[in-house]
Amino acid sequence: MHQRIKYDVLSQKELEYMKGRLEQILIERGVHLDHEEMLKALEEKGCIVDMEARDVRFTKELIDKAIAAAFELVRNELGVE
């Protein structure tokens, strides 16, 4: 049987604040991505892409989908239901 070690580095309120700020940055400022194929793929998924500057801004919906997909992938890899 595996024991879980729990670390509470940040409070729930701090985690929610951090998540909100990260979402705000991805939506309003975005990130620089020097990969043309990825920029095109993200644009097709609904992101706002500046191909000349190679910047991409994300939508809230896409951020939520990515988080859910990552969570599901980790659950599957760990065999957690």
Protein backbone atom coordinates (compact mmCIF):
# COMPACT_ATOMS: atom_id res chain seq x y z
CA MET A 1 0.00 0.00 0.00
CA HIS A 2 1.30 3.43 -0.96
CA GLN A 3 1.20 6.24 1.52
CA ARG A 4 0.55 9.72 0.28
CA ILE A 5 2.73 12.48 1.57
CA LYS A 6 0.89 15.76 1.61
CA TYR A 7 2.65 19.09 1.53
CA ASP A 8 0.69 22.29 1.92
CA VAL A 9 3.15 24.81 0.57
CA LEU A 10 0.39 27.20 -0.50
CA SER A 11 -3.07 27.66 0.91
CA GLN A 12 -6.12 26.97 -1.25
CA LYS A 13 -6.69 30.72 -1.53
CA GLU A 14 -3.10 31.25 -2.68
CA LEU A 15 -3.42 28.44 -5.25
CA GLU A 16 -6.64 29.92 -6.62
CA TYR A 17 -5.01 33.35 -6.84
CA MET A 18 -1.99 31.92 -8.66
CA LYS A 19 -4.19 29.99 -11.10
CA GLY A 20 -6.21 33.12 -11.82
CA ARG A 21 -3.11 35.22 -12.45
CA LEU A 22 -1.56 32.56 -14.71
CA GLU A 23 -4.77 32.36 -16.71
CA GLN A 24 -4.84 36.14 -16.97
CA ILE A 25 -1.27 36.20 -18.29
CA LEU A 26 -1.96 33.47 -20.87
CA ILE A 27 -5.15 35.21 -22.02
CA GLU A 28 -4.02 38.84 -22.00
CA ARG A 29 -0.27 38.67 -22.63
CA GLY A 30 0.29 35.18 -23.97
CA VAL A 31 3.66 33.59 -24.62
CA HIS A 32 6.32 33.73 -27.29
CA LEU A 33 6.56 30.48 -29.23
CA ASP A 34 9.18 30.08 -31.94
CA HIS A 35 7.54 27.08 -33.61
CA GLU A 36 5.52 27.81 -36.74
CA GLU A 37 3.65 24.49 -36.86
CA MET A 38 2.59 24.79 -33.23
CA LEU A 39 1.46 28.39 -33.77
CA LYS A 40 -0.70 27.30 -36.71
CA ALA A 41 -2.16 24.39 -34.72
CA LEU A 42 -2.97 26.69 -31.77
CA GLU A 43 -4.58 29.21 -34.11
CA GLU A 44 -6.77 26.42 -35.51
CA LYS A 45 -7.83 25.60 -31.93
CA GLY A 46 -8.95 29.19 -31.36
CA CYS A 47 -5.90 30.92 -29.94
CA ILE A 48 -5.02 34.45 -30.99
CA VAL A 49 -1.73 34.16 -32.86
CA ASP A 50 0.61 36.86 -34.15
CA MET A 51 2.69 34.92 -36.68
CA GLU A 52 5.10 37.80 -37.27
CA ALA A 53 5.89 38.30 -33.58
CA ARG A 54 5.43 34.55 -32.89
CA ASP A 55 3.20 35.29 -29.93
CA VAL A 56 0.13 33.33 -28.90
CA ARG A 57 -2.68 34.23 -26.52
CA PHE A 58 -4.93 31.52 -25.19
CA THR A 59 -8.66 31.38 -24.56
CA LYS A 60 -10.10 30.45 -21.17
CA GLU A 61 -11.84 27.48 -22.79
CA LEU A 62 -8.61 26.11 -24.24
CA ILE A 63 -6.77 26.58 -20.94
CA ASP A 64 -9.53 24.65 -19.13
CA LYS A 65 -9.43 21.87 -21.74
CA ALA A 66 -5.64 21.58 -21.47
CA ILE A 67 -5.76 21.36 -17.68
CA ALA A 68 -8.47 18.70 -17.81
CA ALA A 69 -6.55 16.70 -20.43
CA ALA A 70 -3.32 16.89 -18.41
CA PHE A 71 -5.15 15.81 -15.26
CA GLU A 72 -6.71 12.87 -17.10
CA LEU A 73 -3.35 11.84 -18.55
CA VAL A 74 -1.71 11.81 -15.13
CA ARG A 75 -4.62 9.84 -13.65
CA ASN A 76 -4.36 7.26 -16.44
CA GLU A 77 -0.57 6.97 -16.11
CA LEU A 78 -0.86 6.44 -12.35
CA GLY A 79 -3.83 4.10 -12.65
CA VAL A 80 -5.95 6.30 -10.40
CA GLU A 81 -9.71 6.35 -10.82
